[in-house]
Amino acid sequence: MDLAISASNGTVRCNDYIIPYAENYSSFEFTSGAKFAELHIGWSVVPEEVRVVCQLPQEALMVQELSRLAEGIREFGYNPDQKWPQISRNTQLVLDAVKKSIDLGFEPVRVLF
């Protein structure tokens, strides 16, 4: 599944959002501050590819992180990590906005975080 997010100051495009092409890395294209080039024949900024390399498949990393967090709570009395609820909530808000845009005939939709 492809995912493209366009906003007033930049874009993010990911070609393997659901099922990655490779197990050891994931990548996306990011553009910030692009304007039309002279005579409107292109863009002033070329998209930058951001590649995130990992030693394990994404699914294994998710299980590993969950296990680490659970062990910290159970064994060492740590408080639950507050980072993940906000990240998962923001991801869901973006996906809900994408669906709403599709349902409205691909109209722009505002996402409020």
N, C-alpha and C. Protein backbone atom coordinates (compact mmCIF):
# COMPACT_ATOMS: atom_id res chain seq x y z
N MET A 1 0.84 -1.17 0.00
CA MET A 1 0.00 0.00 0.00
C MET A 1 0.89 1.24 0.00
N ASP A 2 0.59 2.16 -0.88
CA ASP A 2 1.29 3.43 -0.91
C ASP A 2 0.59 4.42 0.01
N LEU A 3 1.40 5.26 0.62
CA LEU A 3 0.87 6.32 1.47
C LEU A 3 1.54 7.61 1.07
N ALA A 4 0.76 8.62 0.74
CA ALA A 4 1.29 9.94 0.40
C ALA A 4 0.54 10.98 1.23
N ILE A 5 1.31 11.80 1.91
CA ILE A 5 0.73 12.87 2.72
C ILE A 5 1.27 14.18 2.18
N SER A 6 0.39 15.06 1.75
CA SER A 6 0.78 16.36 1.23
C SER A 6 0.23 17.44 2.14
N ALA A 7 1.09 18.38 2.48
CA ALA A 7 0.69 19.48 3.34
C ALA A 7 1.23 20.78 2.75
N SER A 8 0.95 21.89 3.40
CA SER A 8 1.34 23.18 2.85
C SER A 8 2.85 23.40 2.82
N ASN A 9 3.60 22.72 3.69
CA ASN A 9 5.05 22.93 3.74
C ASN A 9 5.87 21.71 3.35
N GLY A 10 5.23 20.62 2.96
CA GLY A 10 6.01 19.45 2.59
C GLY A 10 5.17 18.24 2.28
N THR A 11 5.85 17.18 1.88
CA THR A 11 5.19 15.92 1.56
C THR A 11 5.99 14.75 2.12
N VAL A 12 5.29 13.66 2.38
CA VAL A 12 5.90 12.39 2.76
C VAL A 12 5.26 11.33 1.89
N ARG A 13 6.09 10.46 1.32
CA ARG A 13 5.57 9.40 0.45
C ARG A 13 6.27 8.09 0.81
N CYS A 14 5.46 7.07 1.06
CA CYS A 14 5.97 5.76 1.44
C CYS A 14 5.34 4.71 0.53
N ASN A 15 6.18 3.92 -0.14
CA ASN A 15 5.67 2.91 -1.07
C ASN A 15 5.37 1.57 -0.43
N ASP A 16 5.85 1.33 0.76
CA ASP A 16 5.63 0.03 1.39
C ASP A 16 5.08 0.19 2.81
N TYR A 17 4.01 0.94 2.93
CA TYR A 17 3.47 1.28 4.24
C TYR A 17 2.97 0.06 5.01
N ILE A 18 2.29 -0.85 4.36
CA ILE A 18 1.71 -2.01 5.05
C ILE A 18 2.65 -3.21 5.02
N ILE A 19 3.10 -3.59 3.84
CA ILE A 19 4.00 -4.73 3.70
C ILE A 19 5.32 -4.22 3.14
N PRO A 20 6.39 -4.30 3.94
CA PRO A 20 7.67 -3.76 3.48
C PRO A 20 8.27 -4.57 2.33
N TYR A 21 9.00 -3.88 1.46
CA TYR A 21 9.69 -4.56 0.36
C TYR A 21 10.87 -5.37 0.86
N ALA A 22 11.51 -4.91 1.92
CA ALA A 22 12.68 -5.58 2.47
C ALA A 22 12.51 -5.70 3.99
N GLU A 23 13.09 -6.74 4.56
CA GLU A 23 12.98 -6.97 6.00
C GLU A 23 13.98 -6.16 6.81
N ASN A 24 15.12 -5.78 6.18
CA ASN A 24 16.18 -5.15 6.96
C ASN A 24 16.19 -3.63 6.87
N TYR A 25 15.27 -3.03 6.12
CA TYR A 25 15.18 -1.57 6.08
C TYR A 25 13.80 -1.15 5.59
N SER A 26 13.51 0.08 5.84
CA SER A 26 12.30 0.71 5.32
C SER A 26 12.69 2.11 4.90
N SER A 27 12.00 2.64 3.92
CA SER A 27 12.36 3.98 3.46
C SER A 27 11.11 4.77 3.08
N PHE A 28 11.28 6.08 3.05
CA PHE A 28 10.23 6.97 2.58
C PHE A 28 10.89 8.20 1.96
N GLU A 29 10.13 8.91 1.14
CA GLU A 29 10.62 10.15 0.54
C GLU A 29 10.02 11.33 1.27
N PHE A 30 10.84 12.35 1.49
CA PHE A 30 10.44 13.52 2.25
C PHE A 30 10.84 14.77 1.47
N THR A 31 9.91 15.70 1.33
CA THR A 31 10.20 16.97 0.69
C THR A 31 9.69 18.09 1.59
N SER A 32 10.50 19.11 1.76
CA SER A 32 10.11 20.25 2.58
C SER A 32 10.42 21.54 1.85
N GLY A 33 9.45 22.44 1.80
CA GLY A 33 9.67 23.76 1.22
C GLY A 33 9.78 23.79 -0.30
N ALA A 34 9.23 22.81 -0.98
CA ALA A 34 9.32 22.78 -2.44
C ALA A 34 8.42 23.84 -3.07
N LYS A 35 8.91 24.46 -4.10
CA LYS A 35 8.16 25.44 -4.89
C LYS A 35 8.29 25.07 -6.36
N PHE A 36 7.41 25.60 -7.19
CA PHE A 36 7.55 25.37 -8.62
C PHE A 36 8.85 25.98 -9.11
N ALA A 37 9.53 25.27 -10.00
CA ALA A 37 10.74 25.80 -10.63
C ALA A 37 10.33 26.83 -11.69
N GLU A 38 11.31 27.51 -12.22
CA GLU A 38 11.05 28.52 -13.24
C GLU A 38 10.25 27.91 -14.40
N LEU A 39 9.30 28.62 -14.88
CA LEU A 39 8.39 28.22 -15.96
C LEU A 39 7.52 27.01 -15.57
N HIS A 40 7.47 26.70 -14.29
CA HIS A 40 6.63 25.61 -13.78
C HIS A 40 6.93 24.28 -14.47
N ILE A 41 8.20 24.00 -14.70
CA ILE A 41 8.58 22.76 -15.38
C ILE A 41 9.16 21.72 -14.41
N GLY A 42 9.02 21.95 -13.15
CA GLY A 42 9.53 21.00 -12.17
C GLY A 42 9.44 21.61 -10.78
N TRP A 43 10.21 21.04 -9.87
CA TRP A 43 10.21 21.48 -8.48
C TRP A 43 11.58 22.02 -8.09
N SER A 44 11.59 22.93 -7.13
CA SER A 44 12.84 23.54 -6.68
C SER A 44 13.64 22.62 -5.76
N VAL A 45 12.99 21.60 -5.20
CA VAL A 45 13.63 20.68 -4.27
C VAL A 45 13.36 19.25 -4.74
N VAL A 46 14.39 18.44 -4.73
CA VAL A 46 14.24 17.02 -5.08
C VAL A 46 13.90 16.26 -3.80
N PRO A 47 12.95 15.32 -3.85
CA PRO A 47 12.63 14.55 -2.64
C PRO A 47 13.86 13.84 -2.09
N GLU A 48 13.97 13.82 -0.78
CA GLU A 48 15.08 13.16 -0.09
C GLU A 48 14.60 11.80 0.38
N GLU A 49 15.35 10.75 0.06
CA GLU A 49 14.99 9.42 0.55
C GLU A 49 15.58 9.25 1.95
N VAL A 50 14.72 8.86 2.87
CA VAL A 50 15.14 8.58 4.24
C VAL A 50 15.03 7.07 4.41
N ARG A 51 16.14 6.44 4.75
CA ARG A 51 16.17 4.99 4.90
C ARG A 51 16.48 4.65 6.35
N VAL A 52 15.63 3.81 6.93
CA VAL A 52 15.81 3.36 8.30
C VAL A 52 16.23 1.89 8.25
N VAL A 53 17.45 1.62 8.67
CA VAL A 53 18.00 0.27 8.64
C VAL A 53 17.78 -0.39 10.00
N CYS A 54 17.39 -1.66 9.98
CA CYS A 54 17.20 -2.38 11.24
C CYS A 54 17.75 -3.80 11.10
N GLN A 55 18.15 -4.36 12.22
CA GLN A 55 18.76 -5.69 12.23
C GLN A 55 17.72 -6.81 12.15
N LEU A 56 16.51 -6.52 12.61
CA LEU A 56 15.45 -7.52 12.64
C LEU A 56 14.26 -7.01 11.83
N PRO A 57 13.37 -7.92 11.40
CA PRO A 57 12.14 -7.47 10.74
C PRO A 57 11.33 -6.56 11.66
N GLN A 58 10.51 -5.69 11.07
CA GLN A 58 9.73 -4.73 11.84
C GLN A 58 8.83 -5.41 12.88
N GLU A 59 8.25 -6.54 12.50
CA GLU A 59 7.37 -7.25 13.42
C GLU A 59 8.14 -7.72 14.65
N ALA A 60 9.35 -8.24 14.46
CA ALA A 60 10.17 -8.70 15.58
C ALA A 60 10.58 -7.53 16.47
N LEU A 61 10.87 -6.39 15.86
CA LEU A 61 11.23 -5.21 16.65
C LEU A 61 10.06 -4.74 17.51
N MET A 62 8.83 -4.83 16.97
CA MET A 62 7.66 -4.44 17.75
C MET A 62 7.48 -5.36 18.96
N VAL A 63 7.63 -6.67 18.77
CA VAL A 63 7.50 -7.62 19.87
C VAL A 63 8.62 -7.40 20.88
N GLN A 64 9.83 -7.17 20.40
CA GLN A 64 10.97 -6.92 21.28
C GLN A 64 10.75 -5.68 22.15
N GLU A 65 10.25 -4.60 21.55
CA GLU A 65 10.00 -3.37 22.31
C GLU A 65 8.89 -3.57 23.33
N LEU A 66 7.82 -4.25 22.94
CA LEU A 66 6.73 -4.53 23.88
C LEU A 66 7.23 -5.37 25.05
N SER A 67 8.05 -6.37 24.76
CA SER A 67 8.61 -7.21 25.82
C SER A 67 9.49 -6.41 26.75
N ARG A 68 10.31 -5.52 26.19
CA ARG A 68 11.20 -4.69 27.01
C ARG A 68 10.39 -3.80 27.95
N LEU A 69 9.33 -3.19 27.41
CA LEU A 69 8.49 -2.31 28.23
C LEU A 69 7.77 -3.09 29.33
N ALA A 70 7.23 -4.27 28.98
CA ALA A 70 6.52 -5.08 29.97
C ALA A 70 7.47 -5.56 31.06
N GLU A 71 8.68 -5.96 30.69
CA GLU A 71 9.66 -6.41 31.68
C GLU A 71 10.03 -5.27 32.63
N GLY A 72 10.20 -4.07 32.09
CA GLY A 72 10.53 -2.92 32.93
C GLY A 72 9.46 -2.62 33.95
N ILE A 73 8.22 -2.77 33.56
CA ILE A 73 7.10 -2.52 34.48
C ILE A 73 7.03 -3.62 35.53
N ARG A 74 7.11 -4.88 35.06
CA ARG A 74 6.95 -6.02 35.98
C ARG A 74 8.15 -6.21 36.90
N GLU A 75 9.34 -6.16 36.35
CA GLU A 75 10.54 -6.50 37.12
C GLU A 75 11.14 -5.33 37.89
N PHE A 76 11.01 -4.13 37.34
CA PHE A 76 11.72 -2.99 37.94
C PHE A 76 10.79 -1.87 38.42
N GLY A 77 9.48 -2.07 38.28
CA GLY A 77 8.53 -1.09 38.76
C GLY A 77 8.50 0.21 37.96
N TYR A 78 8.96 0.15 36.70
CA TYR A 78 8.92 1.35 35.85
C TYR A 78 7.48 1.72 35.55
N ASN A 79 7.26 2.98 35.27
CA ASN A 79 5.95 3.44 34.80
C ASN A 79 5.84 3.13 33.30
N PRO A 80 4.62 2.92 32.81
CA PRO A 80 4.46 2.69 31.37
C PRO A 80 5.05 3.86 30.57
N ASP A 81 5.66 3.52 29.45
CA ASP A 81 6.27 4.52 28.56
C ASP A 81 5.16 5.37 27.93
N GLN A 82 5.25 6.68 28.07
CA GLN A 82 4.21 7.58 27.56
C GLN A 82 4.40 7.93 26.09
N LYS A 83 5.51 7.48 25.47
CA LYS A 83 5.78 7.79 24.08
C LYS A 83 4.81 7.08 23.13
N TRP A 84 4.57 5.80 23.34
CA TRP A 84 3.82 4.99 22.39
C TRP A 84 2.34 5.34 22.28
N PRO A 85 1.64 5.64 23.36
CA PRO A 85 0.23 6.01 23.18
C PRO A 85 0.05 7.21 22.25
N GLN A 86 0.91 8.21 22.36
CA GLN A 86 0.77 9.39 21.51
C GLN A 86 1.13 9.07 20.06
N ILE A 87 2.16 8.28 19.85
CA ILE A 87 2.54 7.90 18.48
C ILE A 87 1.43 7.10 17.82
N SER A 88 0.87 6.12 18.53
CA SER A 88 -0.20 5.32 17.93
C SER A 88 -1.45 6.15 17.70
N ARG A 89 -1.75 7.08 18.59
CA ARG A 89 -2.90 7.96 18.41
C ARG A 89 -2.72 8.86 17.19
N ASN A 90 -1.53 9.44 17.03
CA ASN A 90 -1.26 10.29 15.86
C ASN A 90 -1.34 9.50 14.56
N THR A 91 -0.82 8.27 14.57
CA THR A 91 -0.91 7.42 13.38
C THR A 91 -2.36 7.16 13.02
N GLN A 92 -3.18 6.86 14.03
CA GLN A 92 -4.60 6.59 13.78
C GLN A 92 -5.30 7.83 13.25
N LEU A 93 -4.97 9.01 13.77
CA LEU A 93 -5.57 10.26 13.28
C LEU A 93 -5.25 10.49 11.81
N VAL A 94 -4.01 10.23 11.42
CA VAL A 94 -3.62 10.40 10.01
C VAL A 94 -4.37 9.41 9.13
N LEU A 95 -4.43 8.15 9.55
CA LEU A 95 -5.14 7.15 8.74
C LEU A 95 -6.64 7.45 8.66
N ASP A 96 -7.22 7.93 9.75
CA ASP A 96 -8.63 8.33 9.71
C ASP A 96 -8.85 9.49 8.74
N ALA A 97 -7.91 10.44 8.71
CA ALA A 97 -8.02 11.57 7.78
C ALA A 97 -7.89 11.10 6.33
N VAL A 98 -7.02 10.14 6.08
CA VAL A 98 -6.88 9.60 4.72
C VAL A 98 -8.19 8.96 4.29
N LYS A 99 -8.79 8.15 5.16
CA LYS A 99 -10.08 7.52 4.81
C LYS A 99 -11.17 8.56 4.59
N LYS A 100 -11.22 9.56 5.45
CA LYS A 100 -12.23 10.61 5.30
C LYS A 100 -12.04 11.34 3.97
N SER A 101 -10.80 11.62 3.61
CA SER A 101 -10.52 12.28 2.33
C SER A 101 -11.00 11.43 1.16
N ILE A 102 -10.75 10.13 1.23
CA ILE A 102 -11.21 9.22 0.17
C ILE A 102 -12.73 9.23 0.10
N ASP A 103 -13.39 9.14 1.27
CA ASP A 103 -14.85 9.14 1.32
C ASP A 103 -15.46 10.43 0.76
N LEU A 104 -14.72 11.54 0.90
CA LEU A 104 -15.21 12.84 0.41
C LEU A 104 -14.77 13.13 -1.02
N GLY A 105 -14.31 12.11 -1.73
CA GLY A 105 -13.89 12.31 -3.11
C GLY A 105 -12.51 12.94 -3.21
N PHE A 106 -11.63 12.58 -2.29
CA PHE A 106 -10.23 13.03 -2.27
C PHE A 106 -10.09 14.53 -2.00
N GLU A 107 -11.02 15.06 -1.21
CA GLU A 107 -10.91 16.44 -0.77
C GLU A 107 -9.89 16.55 0.35
N PRO A 108 -9.22 17.69 0.48
CA PRO A 108 -8.29 17.87 1.60
C PRO A 108 -9.02 17.78 2.94
N VAL A 109 -8.35 17.22 3.93
CA VAL A 109 -8.91 17.06 5.26
C VAL A 109 -7.90 17.59 6.27
N ARG A 110 -8.37 18.34 7.23
CA ARG A 110 -7.50 18.89 8.28
C ARG A 110 -7.31 17.85 9.38
N VAL A 111 -6.05 17.68 9.79
CA VAL A 111 -5.74 16.77 10.89
C VAL A 111 -5.31 17.62 12.08
N LEU A 112 -6.01 17.48 13.18
CA LEU A 112 -5.69 18.23 14.39
C LEU A 112 -5.08 17.30 15.43
N PHE A 113 -3.84 17.57 15.80
CA PHE A 113 -3.14 16.74 16.80
C PHE A 113 -3.29 17.36 18.17
